[in-house]
């Protein structure tokens, strides 16, 4: 086993444990947990989803129009 890799992994685990310990200590003092960091995609609200939908409908209509004009020339 690569000793440097093992040490690096242990340091990463230690960092995670220190974060958890700090969060628990904060909870003990304040009674509320700190906000977690979300990963991944941001969810869209209904209004934003509607705007994107309308924008994409216009986009694809324009693409279809260009394609039909290009194929009609031949």
PDB file of N, CA and C in Angstrom:
ATOM      1  N   UNK A   1       0.850  -1.192   0.000  1.00  0.00           N
ATOM      2  CA  UNK A   1       0.000   0.000   0.000  1.00  0.00           C
ATOM      3  C   UNK A   1       0.886   1.241   0.000  1.00  0.00           C
ATOM      4  N   UNK A   2       0.488   2.217  -0.742  1.00  0.00           N
ATOM      5  CA  UNK A   2       1.223   3.470  -0.829  1.00  0.00           C
ATOM      6  C   UNK A   2       1.023   4.257   0.470  1.00  0.00           C
ATOM      7  N   UNK A   3       2.104   4.492   1.179  1.00  0.00           N
ATOM      8  CA  UNK A   3       2.033   5.161   2.477  1.00  0.00           C
ATOM      9  C   UNK A   3       1.527   6.599   2.346  1.00  0.00           C
ATOM     10  N   UNK A   4       1.978   7.304   1.324  1.00  0.00           N
ATOM     11  CA  UNK A   4       1.528   8.690   1.121  1.00  0.00           C
ATOM     12  C   UNK A   4       0.026   8.754   0.863  1.00  0.00           C
ATOM     13  N   UNK A   5      -0.487   7.785   0.104  1.00  0.00           N
ATOM     14  CA  UNK A   5      -1.920   7.757  -0.178  1.00  0.00           C
ATOM     15  C   UNK A   5      -2.710   7.515   1.108  1.00  0.00           C
ATOM     16  N   UNK A   6      -2.225   6.592   1.934  1.00  0.00           N
ATOM     17  CA  UNK A   6      -2.902   6.299   3.197  1.00  0.00           C
ATOM     18  C   UNK A   6      -2.916   7.521   4.105  1.00  0.00           C
ATOM     19  N   UNK A   7      -1.809   8.222   4.166  1.00  0.00           N
ATOM     20  CA  UNK A   7      -1.720   9.432   5.005  1.00  0.00           C
ATOM     21  C   UNK A   7      -2.671  10.499   4.489  1.00  0.00           C
ATOM     22  N   UNK A   8      -2.719  10.678   3.172  1.00  0.00           N
ATOM     23  CA  UNK A   8      -3.600  11.670   2.565  1.00  0.00           C
ATOM     24  C   UNK A   8      -5.067  11.356   2.879  1.00  0.00           C
ATOM     25  N   UNK A   9      -5.445  10.072   2.763  1.00  0.00           N
ATOM     26  CA  UNK A   9      -6.820   9.666   3.058  1.00  0.00           C
ATOM     27  C   UNK A   9      -7.162   9.894   4.527  1.00  0.00           C
ATOM     28  N   UNK A  10      -6.205   9.612   5.417  1.00  0.00           N
ATOM     29  CA  UNK A  10      -6.435   9.840   6.844  1.00  0.00           C
ATOM     30  C   UNK A  10      -6.616  11.320   7.149  1.00  0.00           C
ATOM     31  N   UNK A  11      -5.846  12.171   6.484  1.00  0.00           N
ATOM     32  CA  UNK A  11      -6.000  13.619   6.671  1.00  0.00           C
ATOM     33  C   UNK A  11      -7.379  14.077   6.199  1.00  0.00           C
ATOM     34  N   UNK A  12      -7.854  13.510   5.084  1.00  0.00           N
ATOM     35  CA  UNK A  12      -9.182  13.868   4.580  1.00  0.00           C
ATOM     36  C   UNK A  12     -10.258  13.445   5.578  1.00  0.00           C
ATOM     37  N   UNK A  13     -10.120  12.244   6.139  1.00  0.00           N
ATOM     38  CA  UNK A  13     -11.082  11.790   7.144  1.00  0.00           C
ATOM     39  C   UNK A  13     -11.037  12.684   8.377  1.00  0.00           C
ATOM     40  N   UNK A  14      -9.831  13.086   8.776  1.00  0.00           N
ATOM     41  CA  UNK A  14      -9.674  13.960   9.941  1.00  0.00           C
ATOM     42  C   UNK A  14     -10.351  15.306   9.698  1.00  0.00           C
ATOM     43  N   UNK A  15     -10.194  15.847   8.498  1.00  0.00           N
ATOM     44  CA  UNK A  15     -10.842  17.119   8.162  1.00  0.00           C
ATOM     45  C   UNK A  15     -12.369  16.996   8.260  1.00  0.00           C
ATOM     46  N   UNK A  16     -12.909  15.893   7.738  1.00  0.00           N
ATOM     47  CA  UNK A  16     -14.359  15.679   7.813  1.00  0.00           C
ATOM     48  C   UNK A  16     -14.815  15.568   9.263  1.00  0.00           C
ATOM     49  N   UNK A  17     -14.062  14.819  10.071  1.00  0.00           N
ATOM     50  CA  UNK A  17     -14.418  14.666  11.481  1.00  0.00           C
ATOM     51  C   UNK A  17     -14.361  15.998  12.213  1.00  0.00           C
ATOM     52  N   UNK A  18     -13.363  16.813  11.905  1.00  0.00           N
ATOM     53  CA  UNK A  18     -13.264  18.128  12.538  1.00  0.00           C
ATOM     54  C   UNK A  18     -14.455  19.010  12.180  1.00  0.00           C
ATOM     55  N   UNK A  19     -14.929  18.915  10.926  1.00  0.00           N
ATOM     56  CA  UNK A  19     -16.114  19.678  10.521  1.00  0.00           C
ATOM     57  C   UNK A  19     -17.351  19.222  11.292  1.00  0.00           C
ATOM     58  N   UNK A  20     -17.506  17.909  11.444  1.00  0.00           N
ATOM     59  CA  UNK A  20     -18.654  17.376  12.167  1.00  0.00           C
ATOM     60  C   UNK A  20     -18.598  17.792  13.630  1.00  0.00           C
ATOM     61  N   UNK A  21     -17.412  17.706  14.227  1.00  0.00           N
ATOM     62  CA  UNK A  21     -17.245  18.105  15.625  1.00  0.00           C
ATOM     63  C   UNK A  21     -17.590  19.581  15.806  1.00  0.00           C
ATOM     64  N   UNK A  22     -17.114  20.429  14.885  1.00  0.00           N
ATOM     65  CA  UNK A  22     -17.403  21.860  14.972  1.00  0.00           C
ATOM     66  C   UNK A  22     -18.905  22.119  14.849  1.00  0.00           C
ATOM     67  N   UNK A  23     -19.569  21.391  13.955  1.00  0.00           N
ATOM     68  CA  UNK A  23     -21.010  21.568  13.786  1.00  0.00           C
ATOM     69  C   UNK A  23     -21.755  21.156  15.051  1.00  0.00           C
ATOM     70  N   UNK A  24     -21.339  20.043  15.661  1.00  0.00           N
ATOM     71  CA  UNK A  24     -21.989  19.584  16.888  1.00  0.00           C
ATOM     72  C   UNK A  24     -21.749  20.544  18.054  1.00  0.00           C
ATOM     73  N   UNK A  25     -20.544  21.091  18.121  1.00  0.00           N
ATOM     74  CA  UNK A  25     -20.263  22.077  19.170  1.00  0.00           C
ATOM     75  C   UNK A  25     -21.101  23.331  18.970  1.00  0.00           C
ATOM     76  N   UNK A  26     -21.274  23.739  17.726  1.00  0.00           N
ATOM     77  CA  UNK A  26     -22.110  24.894  17.415  1.00  0.00           C
ATOM     78  C   UNK A  26     -23.556  24.613  17.808  1.00  0.00           C
ATOM     79  N   UNK A  27     -24.020  23.415  17.526  1.00  0.00           N
ATOM     80  CA  UNK A  27     -25.381  23.020  17.895  1.00  0.00           C
ATOM     81  C   UNK A  27     -25.555  23.046  19.410  1.00  0.00           C
ATOM     82  N   UNK A  28     -24.545  22.591  20.107  1.00  0.00           N
ATOM     83  CA  UNK A  28     -24.611  22.569  21.571  1.00  0.00           C
ATOM     84  C   UNK A  28     -24.736  23.983  22.143  1.00  0.00           C
ATOM     85  N   UNK A  29     -24.048  24.942  21.511  1.00  0.00           N
ATOM     86  CA  UNK A  29     -24.081  26.331  21.989  1.00  0.00           C
ATOM     87  C   UNK A  29     -25.370  27.045  21.587  1.00  0.00           C
ATOM     88  N   UNK A  30     -25.793  26.879  20.343  1.00  0.00           N
ATOM     89  CA  UNK A  30     -26.903  27.681  19.814  1.00  0.00           C
ATOM     90  C   UNK A  30     -28.232  26.939  19.767  1.00  0.00           C
ATOM     91  N   UNK A  31     -28.189  25.626  19.715  1.00  0.00           N
ATOM     92  CA  UNK A  31     -29.425  24.857  19.606  1.00  0.00           C
ATOM     93  C   UNK A  31     -29.902  24.690  18.176  1.00  0.00           C
ATOM     94  N   UNK A  32     -29.167  25.239  17.203  1.00  0.00           N
ATOM     95  CA  UNK A  32     -29.522  25.056  15.793  1.00  0.00           C
ATOM     96  C   UNK A  32     -28.295  24.563  15.037  1.00  0.00           C
ATOM     97  N   UNK A  33     -28.535  23.689  14.086  1.00  0.00           N
ATOM     98  CA  UNK A  33     -27.437  23.176  13.276  1.00  0.00           C
ATOM     99  C   UNK A  33     -27.093  24.178  12.181  1.00  0.00           C
ATOM    100  N   UNK A  34     -25.822  24.281  11.831  1.00  0.00           N
ATOM    101  CA  UNK A  34     -25.461  25.170  10.717  1.00  0.00           C
ATOM    102  C   UNK A  34     -26.040  24.638   9.411  1.00  0.00           C
ATOM    103  N   UNK A  35     -26.279  25.549   8.473  1.00  0.00           N
ATOM    104  CA  UNK A  35     -26.854  25.175   7.192  1.00  0.00           C
ATOM    105  C   UNK A  35     -25.855  24.333   6.417  1.00  0.00           C
ATOM    106  N   UNK A  36     -26.309  23.213   5.864  1.00  0.00           N
ATOM    107  CA  UNK A  36     -25.409  22.348   5.116  1.00  0.00           C
ATOM    108  C   UNK A  36     -25.200  22.905   3.714  1.00  0.00           C
ATOM    109  N   UNK A  37     -24.085  22.531   3.118  1.00  0.00           N
ATOM    110  CA  UNK A  37     -23.784  22.963   1.758  1.00  0.00           C
ATOM    111  C   UNK A  37     -24.411  21.970   0.794  1.00  0.00           C
ATOM    112  N   UNK A  38     -25.288  22.467  -0.062  1.00  0.00           N
ATOM    113  CA  UNK A  38     -25.946  21.598  -1.026  1.00  0.00           C
ATOM    114  C   UNK A  38     -25.050  21.400  -2.226  1.00  0.00           C
ATOM    115  N   UNK A  39     -25.091  20.205  -2.735  1.00  0.00           N
ATOM    116  CA  UNK A  39     -24.346  19.903  -3.938  1.00  0.00           C
ATOM    117  C   UNK A  39     -25.329  19.515  -5.025  1.00  0.00           C
ATOM    118  N   UNK A  40     -24.892  19.618  -6.250  1.00  0.00           N
ATOM    119  CA  UNK A  40     -25.746  19.205  -7.359  1.00  0.00           C
ATOM    120  C   UNK A  40     -26.482  20.386  -7.962  1.00  0.00           C
ATOM    121  N   UNK A  41     -27.482  20.071  -8.719  1.00  0.00           N
ATOM    122  CA  UNK A  41     -28.225  21.107  -9.429  1.00  0.00           C
ATOM    123  C   UNK A  41     -29.131  21.896  -8.508  1.00  0.00           C
ATOM    124  N   UNK A  42     -29.270  23.150  -8.846  1.00  0.00           N
ATOM    125  CA  UNK A  42     -30.204  24.021  -8.130  1.00  0.00           C
ATOM    126  C   UNK A  42     -31.593  23.734  -8.680  1.00  0.00           C
ATOM    127  N   UNK A  43     -32.565  23.632  -7.808  1.00  0.00           N
ATOM    128  CA  UNK A  43     -33.920  23.378  -8.289  1.00  0.00           C
ATOM    129  C   UNK A  43     -34.542  24.687  -8.774  1.00  0.00           C
ATOM    130  N   UNK A  44     -35.394  24.574  -9.783  1.00  0.00           N
ATOM    131  CA  UNK A  44     -36.050  25.746 -10.355  1.00  0.00           C
ATOM    132  C   UNK A  44     -37.445  25.895  -9.773  1.00  0.00           C
ATOM    133  N   UNK A  45     -37.846  27.120  -9.607  1.00  0.00           N
ATOM    134  CA  UNK A  45     -39.217  27.392  -9.197  1.00  0.00           C
ATOM    135  C   UNK A  45     -40.140  27.329 -10.395  1.00  0.00           C
ATOM    136  N   UNK A  46     -41.435  27.357 -10.146  1.00  0.00           N
ATOM    137  CA  UNK A  46     -42.420  27.256 -11.225  1.00  0.00           C
ATOM    138  C   UNK A  46     -42.287  28.395 -12.230  1.00  0.00           C
ATOM    139  N   UNK A  47     -42.086  29.605 -11.732  1.00  0.00           N
ATOM    140  CA  UNK A  47     -41.986  30.769 -12.611  1.00  0.00           C
ATOM    141  C   UNK A  47     -40.757  30.669 -13.518  1.00  0.00           C
ATOM    142  N   UNK A  48     -39.642  30.301 -12.927  1.00  0.00           N
ATOM    143  CA  UNK A  48     -38.405  30.176 -13.701  1.00  0.00           C
ATOM    144  C   UNK A  48     -38.527  29.053 -14.733  1.00  0.00           C
ATOM    145  N   UNK A  49     -39.151  27.946 -14.354  1.00  0.00           N
ATOM    146  CA  UNK A  49     -39.341  26.824 -15.273  1.00  0.00           C
ATOM    147  C   UNK A  49     -40.202  27.247 -16.459  1.00  0.00           C
ATOM    148  N   UNK A  50     -41.229  28.050 -16.200  1.00  0.00           N
ATOM    149  CA  UNK A  50     -42.100  28.530 -17.267  1.00  0.00           C
ATOM    150  C   UNK A  50     -41.322  29.424 -18.241  1.00  0.00           C
ATOM    151  N   UNK A  51     -40.486  30.330 -17.704  1.00  0.00           N
ATOM    152  CA  UNK A  51     -39.677  31.200 -18.566  1.00  0.00           C
ATOM    153  C   UNK A  51     -38.724  30.391 -19.437  1.00  0.00           C
ATOM    154  N   UNK A  52     -38.095  29.389 -18.850  1.00  0.00           N
ATOM    155  CA  UNK A  52     -37.176  28.542 -19.619  1.00  0.00           C
ATOM    156  C   UNK A  52     -37.941  27.792 -20.698  1.00  0.00           C
ATOM    157  N   UNK A  53     -39.107  27.286 -20.349  1.00  0.00           N
ATOM    158  CA  UNK A  53     -39.927  26.556 -21.308  1.00  0.00           C
ATOM    159  C   UNK A  53     -40.292  27.432 -22.499  1.00  0.00           C
ATOM    160  N   UNK A  54     -40.739  28.649 -22.225  1.00  0.00           N
ATOM    161  CA  UNK A  54     -41.106  29.568 -23.310  1.00  0.00           C
ATOM    162  C   UNK A  54     -39.894  29.909 -24.177  1.00  0.00           C
ATOM    163  N   UNK A  55     -38.772  30.139 -23.535  1.00  0.00           N
ATOM    164  CA  UNK A  55     -37.551  30.472 -24.277  1.00  0.00           C
ATOM    165  C   UNK A  55     -37.125  29.310 -25.173  1.00  0.00           C
ATOM    166  N   UNK A  56     -37.214  28.077 -24.666  1.00  0.00           N
ATOM    167  CA  UNK A  56     -36.807  26.920 -25.456  1.00  0.00           C
ATOM    168  C   UNK A  56     -37.792  26.640 -26.599  1.00  0.00           C
ATOM    169  N   UNK A  57     -39.078  26.906 -26.396  1.00  0.00           N
ATOM    170  CA  UNK A  57     -40.056  26.736 -27.477  1.00  0.00           C
ATOM    171  C   UNK A  57     -39.711  27.675 -28.633  1.00  0.00           C
ATOM    172  N   UNK A  58     -39.366  28.933 -28.303  1.00  0.00           N
ATOM    173  CA  UNK A  58     -38.968  29.890 -29.343  1.00  0.00           C
ATOM    174  C   UNK A  58     -37.697  29.422 -30.042  1.00  0.00           C
ATOM    175  N   UNK A  59     -36.751  28.922 -29.266  1.00  0.00           N
ATOM    176  CA  UNK A  59     -35.472  28.456 -29.811  1.00  0.00           C
ATOM    177  C   UNK A  59     -35.708  27.330 -30.813  1.00  0.00           C
ATOM    178  N   UNK A  60     -36.478  26.307 -30.409  1.00  0.00           N
ATOM    179  CA  UNK A  60     -36.692  25.170 -31.278  1.00  0.00           C
ATOM    180  C   UNK A  60     -37.559  25.532 -32.482  1.00  0.00           C
ATOM    181  N   UNK A  61     -38.482  26.453 -32.314  1.00  0.00           N
ATOM    182  CA  UNK A  61     -39.284  26.897 -33.465  1.00  0.00           C
ATOM    183  C   UNK A  61     -38.366  27.573 -34.488  1.00  0.00           C
ATOM    184  N   UNK A  62     -37.446  28.371 -34.020  1.00  0.00           N
ATOM    185  CA  UNK A  62     -36.486  29.014 -34.917  1.00  0.00           C
ATOM    186  C   UNK A  62     -35.604  28.003 -35.623  1.00  0.00           C
ATOM    187  N   UNK A  63     -35.183  26.968 -34.890  1.00  0.00           N
ATOM    188  CA  UNK A  63     -34.345  25.927 -35.497  1.00  0.00           C
ATOM    189  C   UNK A  63     -35.116  25.173 -36.581  1.00  0.00           C
ATOM    190  N   UNK A  64     -36.400  24.855 -36.294  1.00  0.00           N
ATOM    191  CA  UNK A  64     -37.208  24.153 -37.297  1.00  0.00           C
ATOM    192  C   UNK A  64     -37.406  25.019 -38.536  1.00  0.00           C
ATOM    193  N   UNK A  65     -37.608  26.318 -38.312  1.00  0.00           N
ATOM    194  CA  UNK A  65     -37.822  27.245 -39.422  1.00  0.00           C
ATOM    195  C   UNK A  65     -36.572  27.312 -40.305  1.00  0.00           C
ATOM    196  N   UNK A  66     -35.400  27.431 -39.680  1.00  0.00           N
ATOM    197  CA  UNK A  66     -34.150  27.474 -40.443  1.00  0.00           C
ATOM    198  C   UNK A  66     -33.935  26.184 -41.219  1.00  0.00           C
ATOM    199  N   UNK A  67     -34.251  25.045 -40.583  1.00  0.00           N
ATOM    200  CA  UNK A  67     -34.052  23.751 -41.244  1.00  0.00           C
ATOM    201  C   UNK A  67     -34.978  23.610 -42.441  1.00  0.00           C
ATOM    202  N   UNK A  68     -36.242  24.038 -42.300  1.00  0.00           N
ATOM    203  CA  UNK A  68     -37.194  23.912 -43.407  1.00  0.00           C
ATOM    204  C   UNK A  68     -36.808  24.854 -44.555  1.00  0.00           C
ATOM    205  N   UNK A  69     -36.281  26.015 -44.239  1.00  0.00           N
ATOM    206  CA  UNK A  69     -35.836  26.944 -45.281  1.00  0.00           C
ATOM    207  C   UNK A  69     -34.616  26.381 -46.016  1.00  0.00           C
ATOM    208  N   UNK A  70     -33.709  25.776 -45.273  1.00  0.00           N
ATOM    209  CA  UNK A  70     -32.501  25.222 -45.885  1.00  0.00           C
ATOM    210  C   UNK A  70     -32.832  24.026 -46.762  1.00  0.00           C
ATOM    211  N   UNK A  71     -33.763  23.172 -46.344  1.00  0.00           N
ATOM    212  CA  UNK A  71     -34.101  21.993 -47.148  1.00  0.00           C
ATOM    213  C   UNK A  71     -35.000  22.363 -48.334  1.00  0.00           C
ATOM    214  N   UNK A  72     -35.707  23.488 -48.264  1.00  0.00           N
ATOM    215  CA  UNK A  72     -36.595  23.919 -49.338  1.00  0.00           C
ATOM    216  C   UNK A  72     -35.853  24.543 -50.509  1.00  0.00           C
ATOM    217  N   UNK A  73     -34.601  24.904 -50.314  1.00  0.00           N
ATOM    218  CA  UNK A  73     -33.827  25.563 -51.373  1.00  0.00           C
ATOM    219  C   UNK A  73     -33.441  24.599 -52.491  1.00  0.00           C
ATOM    220  N   UNK A  74     -33.210  23.327 -52.156  1.00  0.00           N
ATOM    221  CA  UNK A  74     -32.634  22.357 -53.082  1.00  0.00           C
ATOM    222  C   UNK A  74     -33.438  22.018 -54.238  1.00  0.00           C
TER     223      UNK A  74
END
